[in-house]
Each structure stands twice: as C-alpha cells, then as structure tokens.
Amino acid sequence: MGNKGDIVLLIDDDKEVVNINAKYLQNAGYQVAITTDPLKVLAYIEKFHPQCIVSDVMMPGLDGFALCELVRGKWDIPIILLTGKSSEDDKVEGLLCGADDYMVKPYSLRELEARIRVNIRRHKGDKNKSDTIIRYEPLKIDITAHKVFCNEEEIVLSNREYELLYYLITNAGRVVTFQEIGEKIWGVYSESDRRSIMVNLSRLRKRLEAYAELANIIETVWGQGYLFRGMK
C-alpha cells in the first residue's frame, strides 16, 4: 500500500473519475491532490510537490501528451497517462513524450495503485543508491548521479532509457526477457507492454549508437528479449 508521505497529483477533466480515483488512493494510504484543469499542473506541482502524477490524455486546453512534455521540461517526477484510446500509436506517443507509464481505460484501480507504487519506489530507489560506478569500457554508469558516459562524455538519457540500460548491464551476458524487463521496470507485465519496451529500447539504442564504440552493444534476441554484450 502507499506510503503515507507520498503525494499523488491526479489530473482529469472528468470530476467523477478523478474523485473515484482519489478516494481509492486515499484509502490505500496516499495523500492526493486533484485538479480538473490541466493548465494548473505547474502551479499544483509547486504547491504540493507530488511523488507521482496521474493524468488523463484527452483534456481540453492541454492534452496529456503536451502536459507530459511541459512537466518534463522542469521536473523529474514519474508520470502515468490514462486514455480511452487503445491504439498502438497513442501508446507510443505517450512514451515518446516522456511518460513513465501508460494505462488504457477501463483500468483496474488496484492495478493503477500498483503502478503508482512501483513508479514511486523505483524513483526513490534511484536517488538512494550508494555511490557506485559501473564500467563497461568505454561505457560508464554513475549510479549516484544517475548518469551515463562514453569516454567521459555524458549520454543524456530519459529515466526509462537509463533504467533499461542499467538493468541490461547488471544482467550482462544473459538474455533478459520482455517479461523480466516489464516486471522489473514497469512493475507489472502483460503482452501489450512488449511494444512499450521495444519503443524505449529503440530510443536507447539510437542514443548509444551515436557513439561508434557502442554500436551493437545491445543485441535483440528474436521473440525473447535483449542481451547486453559488453567487455568489462
């Protein structure tokens, strides 16, 4: 259940939906801030300092994709997008705009709470890790700073890209399945999550392959998952 100190910001222009979600999360132990006006998101973040944001996608004035990009420009806060659209393109757009997670309506409130809990826990865990450097020359991961370098030049990654790379590196030399990645990083896994993993992995590859030394460092194992090939 939620940590009593954790604050979740709910954004949805549907008052009934946002109130139902708020009540459930409060009963689960969270503090909840709500707004039906997405244009107030920055002011609400400044006021409540939430540990997680849950936002509807289809809203007047500012949709969830634009909201996600707006927040990402200033804060590193887990964002979960909710939508009535189940098309793959919409899910991909949500991930590309910087969302940490994406759920299609109708969704289980129990699963929503689980995804909130996992995203908050992972985010806190990243900040609390001890001072450790992982090296797969010329690649270096500074766990404390949450940064990745190639020959001391920083490779700028999103949270999801960093988490994927870190998980693959800490399992170097073996095939990591889609299910393992989903359960470890997203907290839960279903076959519909495979596309999300593939999109994020593709983005990670493009960032790494900007450096010739890192080309083909991550291998796709068809139908199974991925293999990190690196020489320590």
C-alpha atoms as a PDB file:
ATOM      1  CA  MET A   1       0.000   0.000   0.000  1.00  0.00           C
ATOM      2  CA  GLY A   2       1.046   3.610  -0.416  1.00  0.00           C
ATOM      3  CA  ASN A   3       3.450   5.358   1.919  1.00  0.00           C
ATOM      4  CA  LYS A   4       1.566   7.971   3.919  1.00  0.00           C
ATOM      5  CA  GLY A   5       4.145  10.568   2.938  1.00  0.00           C
ATOM      6  CA  ASP A   6       3.625  10.029  -0.785  1.00  0.00           C
ATOM      7  CA  ILE A   7       1.556  12.604  -2.647  1.00  0.00           C
ATOM      8  CA  VAL A   8      -0.161  11.763  -5.927  1.00  0.00           C
ATOM      9  CA  LEU A   9      -1.429  14.508  -8.242  1.00  0.00           C
ATOM     10  CA  LEU A  10      -4.493  13.464 -10.275  1.00  0.00           C
ATOM     11  CA  ILE A  11      -5.397  15.467 -13.392  1.00  0.00           C
ATOM     12  CA  ASP A  12      -8.643  14.737 -15.257  1.00  0.00           C
ATOM     13  CA  ASP A  13     -11.387  17.000 -16.578  1.00  0.00           C
ATOM     14  CA  ASP A  14     -13.960  14.338 -15.574  1.00  0.00           C
ATOM     15  CA  LYS A  15     -14.831  15.219 -11.954  1.00  0.00           C
ATOM     16  CA  GLU A  16     -16.484  11.871 -11.249  1.00  0.00           C
ATOM     17  CA  VAL A  17     -13.489   9.848 -12.434  1.00  0.00           C
ATOM     18  CA  VAL A  18     -10.924  11.943 -10.603  1.00  0.00           C
ATOM     19  CA  ASN A  19     -12.932  11.784  -7.370  1.00  0.00           C
ATOM     20  CA  ILE A  20     -13.314   7.990  -7.579  1.00  0.00           C
ATOM     21  CA  ASN A  21      -9.582   7.575  -8.176  1.00  0.00           C
ATOM     22  CA  ALA A  22      -8.757   9.985  -5.365  1.00  0.00           C
ATOM     23  CA  LYS A  23     -10.937   8.144  -2.856  1.00  0.00           C
ATOM     24  CA  TYR A  24      -9.395   4.792  -3.732  1.00  0.00           C
ATOM     25  CA  LEU A  25      -5.841   6.114  -3.445  1.00  0.00           C
ATOM     26  CA  GLN A  26      -6.572   7.863  -0.165  1.00  0.00           C
ATOM     27  CA  ASN A  27      -7.897   4.593   1.231  1.00  0.00           C
ATOM     28  CA  ALA A  28      -4.677   2.979   0.014  1.00  0.00           C
ATOM     29  CA  GLY A  29      -2.647   5.394   2.137  1.00  0.00           C
ATOM     30  CA  TYR A  30      -1.690   8.188  -0.255  1.00  0.00           C
ATOM     31  CA  GLN A  31      -2.155  11.902   0.070  1.00  0.00           C
ATOM     32  CA  VAL A  32      -3.963  13.079  -3.044  1.00  0.00           C
ATOM     33  CA  ALA A  33      -4.159  16.428  -4.833  1.00  0.00           C
ATOM     34  CA  ILE A  34      -6.635  16.766  -7.694  1.00  0.00           C
ATOM     35  CA  THR A  35      -7.405  19.237 -10.437  1.00  0.00           C
ATOM     36  CA  THR A  36      -9.766  19.160 -13.408  1.00  0.00           C
ATOM     37  CA  ASP A  37      -7.798  21.922 -15.139  1.00  0.00           C
ATOM     38  CA  PRO A  38      -4.582  20.663 -16.808  1.00  0.00           C
ATOM     39  CA  LEU A  39      -3.374  24.241 -17.227  1.00  0.00           C
ATOM     40  CA  LYS A  40      -2.879  24.356 -13.452  1.00  0.00           C
ATOM     41  CA  VAL A  41      -0.411  21.466 -13.419  1.00  0.00           C
ATOM     42  CA  LEU A  42       2.720  23.587 -12.876  1.00  0.00           C
ATOM     43  CA  ALA A  43       1.124  25.550 -10.039  1.00  0.00           C
ATOM     44  CA  TYR A  44      -0.051  22.326  -8.391  1.00  0.00           C
ATOM     45  CA  ILE A  45       3.399  20.759  -8.631  1.00  0.00           C
ATOM     46  CA  GLU A  46       4.911  23.858  -6.999  1.00  0.00           C
ATOM     47  CA  LYS A  47       2.291  23.743  -4.250  1.00  0.00           C
ATOM     48  CA  PHE A  48       2.065  20.018  -3.452  1.00  0.00           C
ATOM     49  CA  HIS A  49       5.418  18.559  -4.622  1.00  0.00           C
ATOM     50  CA  PRO A  50       3.878  15.225  -5.705  1.00  0.00           C
ATOM     51  CA  GLN A  51       5.845  11.986  -5.907  1.00  0.00           C
ATOM     52  CA  CYS A  52       3.738  10.837  -8.885  1.00  0.00           C
ATOM     53  CA  ILE A  53       1.399  12.416 -11.462  1.00  0.00           C
ATOM     54  CA  VAL A  54      -1.546  10.555 -12.998  1.00  0.00           C
ATOM     55  CA  SER A  55      -3.081  12.395 -15.928  1.00  0.00           C
ATOM     56  CA  ASP A  56      -5.838  11.745 -18.443  1.00  0.00           C
ATOM     57  CA  VAL A  57      -4.787  12.183 -22.076  1.00  0.00           C
ATOM     58  CA  MET A  58      -7.894  13.680 -23.679  1.00  0.00           C
ATOM     59  CA  MET A  59      -8.467  17.023 -21.937  1.00  0.00           C
ATOM     60  CA  PRO A  60      -9.433  20.498 -23.181  1.00  0.00           C
ATOM     61  CA  GLY A  61      -6.793  23.215 -23.203  1.00  0.00           C
ATOM     62  CA  LEU A  62      -3.808  20.923 -22.703  1.00  0.00           C
ATOM     63  CA  ASP A  63      -3.839  17.216 -23.521  1.00  0.00           C
ATOM     64  CA  GLY A  64      -1.870  14.639 -21.568  1.00  0.00           C
ATOM     65  CA  PHE A  65       0.940  14.420 -24.126  1.00  0.00           C
ATOM     66  CA  ALA A  66       1.579  18.178 -24.043  1.00  0.00           C
ATOM     67  CA  LEU A  67       1.231  18.167 -20.256  1.00  0.00           C
ATOM     68  CA  CYS A  68       3.860  15.445 -20.018  1.00  0.00           C
ATOM     69  CA  GLU A  69       6.327  17.412 -22.128  1.00  0.00           C
ATOM     70  CA  LEU A  70       5.630  20.556 -20.074  1.00  0.00           C
ATOM     71  CA  VAL A  71       6.342  18.781 -16.793  1.00  0.00           C
ATOM     72  CA  ARG A  72       9.429  17.035 -18.182  1.00  0.00           C
ATOM     73  CA  GLY A  73      10.895  20.428 -19.031  1.00  0.00           C
ATOM     74  CA  LYS A  74      11.144  21.283 -15.327  1.00  0.00           C
ATOM     75  CA  TRP A  75      10.700  18.238 -13.070  1.00  0.00           C
ATOM     76  CA  ASP A  76      11.785  14.630 -12.744  1.00  0.00           C
ATOM     77  CA  ILE A  77       8.505  13.156 -11.477  1.00  0.00           C
ATOM     78  CA  PRO A  78       7.004   9.801 -12.525  1.00  0.00           C
ATOM     79  CA  ILE A  79       4.050  10.373 -14.882  1.00  0.00           C
ATOM     80  CA  ILE A  80       1.318   7.840 -15.676  1.00  0.00           C
ATOM     81  CA  LEU A  81      -1.002   8.649 -18.580  1.00  0.00           C
ATOM     82  CA  LEU A  82      -4.587   7.326 -18.775  1.00  0.00           C
ATOM     83  CA  THR A  83      -6.503   7.120 -22.034  1.00  0.00           C
ATOM     84  CA  GLY A  84      -9.586   5.658 -23.631  1.00  0.00           C
ATOM     85  CA  LYS A  85      -7.628   5.017 -26.840  1.00  0.00           C
ATOM     86  CA  SER A  86      -6.043   1.605 -27.153  1.00  0.00           C
ATOM     87  CA  SER A  87      -4.215   2.121 -30.449  1.00  0.00           C
ATOM     88  CA  GLU A  88      -0.519   1.366 -30.518  1.00  0.00           C
ATOM     89  CA  ASP A  89       0.262   4.810 -31.974  1.00  0.00           C
ATOM     90  CA  ASP A  90      -1.251   6.575 -28.968  1.00  0.00           C
ATOM     91  CA  LYS A  91       0.690   4.415 -26.543  1.00  0.00           C
ATOM     92  CA  VAL A  92       3.913   5.057 -28.425  1.00  0.00           C
ATOM     93  CA  GLU A  93       3.250   8.807 -28.470  1.00  0.00           C
ATOM     94  CA  GLY A  94       2.736   8.760 -24.720  1.00  0.00           C
ATOM     95  CA  LEU A  95       6.055   7.041 -24.158  1.00  0.00           C
ATOM     96  CA  LEU A  96       7.905   9.291 -26.580  1.00  0.00           C
ATOM     97  CA  CYS A  97       6.680  12.437 -24.839  1.00  0.00           C
ATOM     98  CA  GLY A  98       8.329  11.222 -21.636  1.00  0.00           C
ATOM     99  CA  ALA A  99       5.596   9.338 -19.775  1.00  0.00           C
ATOM    100  CA  ASP A 100       6.814   6.641 -17.380  1.00  0.00           C
ATOM    101  CA  ASP A 101       3.715   4.511 -17.762  1.00  0.00           C
ATOM    102  CA  TYR A 102       0.530   4.317 -19.820  1.00  0.00           C
ATOM    103  CA  MET A 103      -2.815   2.671 -18.986  1.00  0.00           C
ATOM    104  CA  VAL A 104      -5.836   2.152 -21.228  1.00  0.00           C
ATOM    105  CA  LYS A 105      -9.385   2.620 -19.923  1.00  0.00           C
ATOM    106  CA  PRO A 106     -11.179   0.816 -18.448  1.00  0.00           C
ATOM    107  CA  TYR A 107      -8.446   0.015 -15.947  1.00  0.00           C
ATOM    108  CA  SER A 108      -8.369  -1.638 -12.551  1.00  0.00           C
ATOM    109  CA  LEU A 109      -7.935   0.767  -9.643  1.00  0.00           C
ATOM    110  CA  ARG A 110      -5.898  -1.928  -7.960  1.00  0.00           C
ATOM    111  CA  GLU A 111      -3.505  -2.043 -10.922  1.00  0.00           C
ATOM    112  CA  LEU A 112      -3.354   1.759 -11.065  1.00  0.00           C
ATOM    113  CA  GLU A 113      -2.327   1.862  -7.397  1.00  0.00           C
ATOM    114  CA  ALA A 114       0.276  -0.854  -8.022  1.00  0.00           C
ATOM    115  CA  ARG A 115       1.782   1.069 -10.935  1.00  0.00           C
ATOM    116  CA  ILE A 116       1.860   4.266  -8.856  1.00  0.00           C
ATOM    117  CA  ARG A 117       3.579   2.426  -6.019  1.00  0.00           C
ATOM    118  CA  VAL A 118       6.173   0.822  -8.308  1.00  0.00           C
ATOM    119  CA  ASN A 119       6.988   4.101 -10.079  1.00  0.00           C
ATOM    120  CA  ILE A 120       7.416   5.967  -6.792  1.00  0.00           C
ATOM    121  CA  ARG A 121       9.513   3.194  -5.251  1.00  0.00           C
ATOM    122  CA  ARG A 122      11.766   2.972  -8.292  1.00  0.00           C
ATOM    123  CA  HIS A 123      12.195   6.730  -8.431  1.00  0.00           C
ATOM    124  CA  LYS A 124      13.132   6.909  -4.751  1.00  0.00           C
ATOM    125  CA  GLY A 125      15.408   3.911  -5.113  1.00  0.00           C
ATOM    126  CA  ASP A 126      17.365   5.564  -7.894  1.00  0.00           C
ATOM    127  CA  LYS A 127      18.007   8.543  -5.646  1.00  0.00           C
ATOM    128  CA  ASN A 128      19.015   6.427  -2.645  1.00  0.00           C
ATOM    129  CA  LYS A 129      21.522   4.097  -4.318  1.00  0.00           C
ATOM    130  CA  SER A 130      25.036   4.122  -2.888  1.00  0.00           C
ATOM    131  CA  ASP A 131      27.966   5.739  -4.661  1.00  0.00           C
ATOM    132  CA  THR A 132      28.818   3.174  -7.318  1.00  0.00           C
ATOM    133  CA  ILE A 133      30.391   3.289 -10.747  1.00  0.00           C
ATOM    134  CA  ILE A 134      29.728   0.506 -13.248  1.00  0.00           C
ATOM    135  CA  ARG A 135      32.200   0.288 -16.120  1.00  0.00           C
ATOM    136  CA  TYR A 136      31.965  -1.477 -19.446  1.00  0.00           C
ATOM    137  CA  GLU A 137      34.630   0.499 -21.244  1.00  0.00           C
ATOM    138  CA  PRO A 138      34.149   2.894 -22.883  1.00  0.00           C
ATOM    139  CA  LEU A 139      30.729   2.976 -21.177  1.00  0.00           C
ATOM    140  CA  LYS A 140      30.411   4.156 -17.591  1.00  0.00           C
ATOM    141  CA  ILE A 141      27.322   4.420 -15.369  1.00  0.00           C
ATOM    142  CA  ASP A 142      27.449   6.708 -12.347  1.00  0.00           C
ATOM    143  CA  ILE A 143      24.602   5.322 -10.217  1.00  0.00           C
ATOM    144  CA  THR A 144      24.718   8.135  -7.672  1.00  0.00           C
ATOM    145  CA  ALA A 145      24.458  10.849 -10.315  1.00  0.00           C
ATOM    146  CA  HIS A 146      22.071   8.740 -12.418  1.00  0.00           C
ATOM    147  CA  LYS A 147      24.216   9.469 -15.456  1.00  0.00           C
ATOM    148  CA  VAL A 148      25.816   7.523 -18.309  1.00  0.00           C
ATOM    149  CA  PHE A 149      29.079   8.381 -20.068  1.00  0.00           C
ATOM    150  CA  CYS A 150      31.039   7.253 -23.111  1.00  0.00           C
ATOM    151  CA  ASN A 151      34.721   8.164 -22.802  1.00  0.00           C
ATOM    152  CA  GLU A 152      33.700  10.679 -20.128  1.00  0.00           C
ATOM    153  CA  GLU A 153      31.176  12.392 -22.430  1.00  0.00           C
ATOM    154  CA  GLU A 154      27.679  12.280 -20.946  1.00  0.00           C
ATOM    155  CA  ILE A 155      24.981  10.432 -22.882  1.00  0.00           C
ATOM    156  CA  VAL A 156      21.704  12.137 -21.998  1.00  0.00           C
ATOM    157  CA  LEU A 157      19.020   9.517 -21.343  1.00  0.00           C
ATOM    158  CA  SER A 158      15.433   9.633 -20.142  1.00  0.00           C
ATOM    159  CA  ASN A 159      14.553   7.846 -16.888  1.00  0.00           C
ATOM    160  CA  ARG A 160      13.188   4.828 -18.754  1.00  0.00           C
ATOM    161  CA  GLU A 161      16.213   4.611 -21.051  1.00  0.00           C
ATOM    162  CA  TYR A 162      18.561   4.790 -18.072  1.00  0.00           C
ATOM    163  CA  GLU A 163      16.619   2.082 -16.216  1.00  0.00           C
ATOM    164  CA  LEU A 164      16.659  -0.191 -19.247  1.00  0.00           C
ATOM    165  CA  LEU A 165      20.393   0.229 -19.755  1.00  0.00           C
ATOM    166  CA  TYR A 166      21.142  -0.266 -16.056  1.00  0.00           C
ATOM    167  CA  TYR A 167      19.049  -3.437 -15.904  1.00  0.00           C
ATOM    168  CA  LEU A 168      20.618  -4.868 -19.056  1.00  0.00           C
ATOM    169  CA  ILE A 169      24.140  -4.094 -17.869  1.00  0.00           C
ATOM    170  CA  THR A 170      23.573  -5.635 -14.449  1.00  0.00           C
ATOM    171  CA  ASN A 171      22.438  -8.762 -16.296  1.00  0.00           C
ATOM    172  CA  ALA A 172      25.179  -8.651 -18.932  1.00  0.00           C
ATOM    173  CA  GLY A 173      25.888 -11.869 -20.771  1.00  0.00           C
ATOM    174  CA  ARG A 174      22.408 -13.372 -20.498  1.00  0.00           C
ATOM    175  CA  VAL A 175      19.153 -12.862 -22.341  1.00  0.00           C
ATOM    176  CA  VAL A 176      16.761 -10.633 -20.393  1.00  0.00           C
ATOM    177  CA  THR A 177      13.184 -11.405 -21.399  1.00  0.00           C
ATOM    178  CA  PHE A 178      10.418  -8.907 -22.130  1.00  0.00           C
ATOM    179  CA  GLN A 179       8.571 -10.200 -19.073  1.00  0.00           C
ATOM    180  CA  GLU A 180      11.577  -9.661 -16.796  1.00  0.00           C
ATOM    181  CA  ILE A 181      12.021  -6.114 -18.058  1.00  0.00           C
ATOM    182  CA  GLY A 182       8.322  -5.342 -17.673  1.00  0.00           C
ATOM    183  CA  GLU A 183       8.089  -6.708 -14.151  1.00  0.00           C
ATOM    184  CA  LYS A 184      11.336  -5.075 -13.023  1.00  0.00           C
ATOM    185  CA  ILE A 185      10.853  -1.627 -14.575  1.00  0.00           C
ATOM    186  CA  TRP A 186       7.091  -1.259 -15.075  1.00  0.00           C
ATOM    187  CA  GLY A 187       6.177  -3.337 -12.026  1.00  0.00           C
ATOM    188  CA  VAL A 188       3.675  -5.466 -13.930  1.00  0.00           C
ATOM    189  CA  TYR A 189       3.755  -7.118 -17.347  1.00  0.00           C
ATOM    190  CA  SER A 190       1.295  -8.188 -19.994  1.00  0.00           C
ATOM    191  CA  GLU A 191       1.917  -8.904 -23.671  1.00  0.00           C
ATOM    192  CA  SER A 192       0.568  -5.445 -24.529  1.00  0.00           C
ATOM    193  CA  ASP A 193       3.568  -3.974 -22.660  1.00  0.00           C
ATOM    194  CA  ARG A 194       6.016  -5.543 -25.114  1.00  0.00           C
ATOM    195  CA  ARG A 195       5.580  -2.679 -27.578  1.00  0.00           C
ATOM    196  CA  SER A 196       6.366  -0.139 -24.853  1.00  0.00           C
ATOM    197  CA  ILE A 197       9.588  -1.950 -24.031  1.00  0.00           C
ATOM    198  CA  MET A 198      10.552  -2.128 -27.707  1.00  0.00           C
ATOM    199  CA  VAL A 199       9.934   1.598 -28.218  1.00  0.00           C
ATOM    200  CA  ASN A 200      12.057   2.560 -25.222  1.00  0.00           C
ATOM    201  CA  LEU A 201      14.812   0.128 -26.203  1.00  0.00           C
ATOM    202  CA  SER A 202      14.852   1.553 -29.738  1.00  0.00           C
ATOM    203  CA  ARG A 203      15.301   5.056 -28.349  1.00  0.00           C
ATOM    204  CA  LEU A 204      18.100   3.856 -26.053  1.00  0.00           C
ATOM    205  CA  ARG A 205      19.871   2.170 -28.973  1.00  0.00           C
ATOM    206  CA  LYS A 206      19.767   5.348 -31.049  1.00  0.00           C
ATOM    207  CA  ARG A 207      21.374   7.340 -28.251  1.00  0.00           C
ATOM    208  CA  LEU A 208      24.106   4.756 -27.727  1.00  0.00           C
ATOM    209  CA  GLU A 209      24.783   4.255 -31.422  1.00  0.00           C
ATOM    210  CA  ALA A 210      25.620   7.935 -31.786  1.00  0.00           C
ATOM    211  CA  TYR A 211      28.960   6.660 -30.461  1.00  0.00           C
ATOM    212  CA  ALA A 212      30.706   4.251 -32.832  1.00  0.00           C
ATOM    213  CA  GLU A 213      32.207   2.279 -29.940  1.00  0.00           C
ATOM    214  CA  LEU A 214      28.742   1.453 -28.614  1.00  0.00           C
ATOM    215  CA  ALA A 215      27.172   0.236 -31.858  1.00  0.00           C
ATOM    216  CA  ASN A 216      25.548  -3.203 -31.485  1.00  0.00           C
ATOM    217  CA  ILE A 217      26.278  -3.314 -27.759  1.00  0.00           C
ATOM    218  CA  ILE A 218      22.662  -4.421 -27.174  1.00  0.00           C
ATOM    219  CA  GLU A 219      21.515  -7.447 -29.165  1.00  0.00           C
ATOM    220  CA  THR A 220      17.882  -8.311 -29.887  1.00  0.00           C
ATOM    221  CA  VAL A 221      17.090 -11.970 -29.259  1.00  0.00           C
ATOM    222  CA  TRP A 222      14.093 -12.509 -31.506  1.00  0.00           C
ATOM    223  CA  GLY A 223      10.884 -13.331 -29.643  1.00  0.00           C
ATOM    224  CA  GLN A 224      12.617 -13.384 -26.257  1.00  0.00           C
ATOM    225  CA  GLY A 225      14.177 -10.084 -25.267  1.00  0.00           C
ATOM    226  CA  TYR A 226      17.627  -8.473 -25.227  1.00  0.00           C
ATOM    227  CA  LEU A 227      21.251  -9.285 -24.487  1.00  0.00           C
ATOM    228  CA  PHE A 228      23.839  -6.746 -23.369  1.00  0.00           C
ATOM    229  CA  ARG A 229      27.233  -7.512 -24.890  1.00  0.00           C
ATOM    230  CA  GLY A 230      29.947  -5.524 -23.227  1.00  0.00           C
ATOM    231  CA  MET A 231      33.537  -6.155 -22.223  1.00  0.00           C
ATOM    232  CA  LYS A 232      34.476  -5.026 -18.728  1.00  0.00           C
END
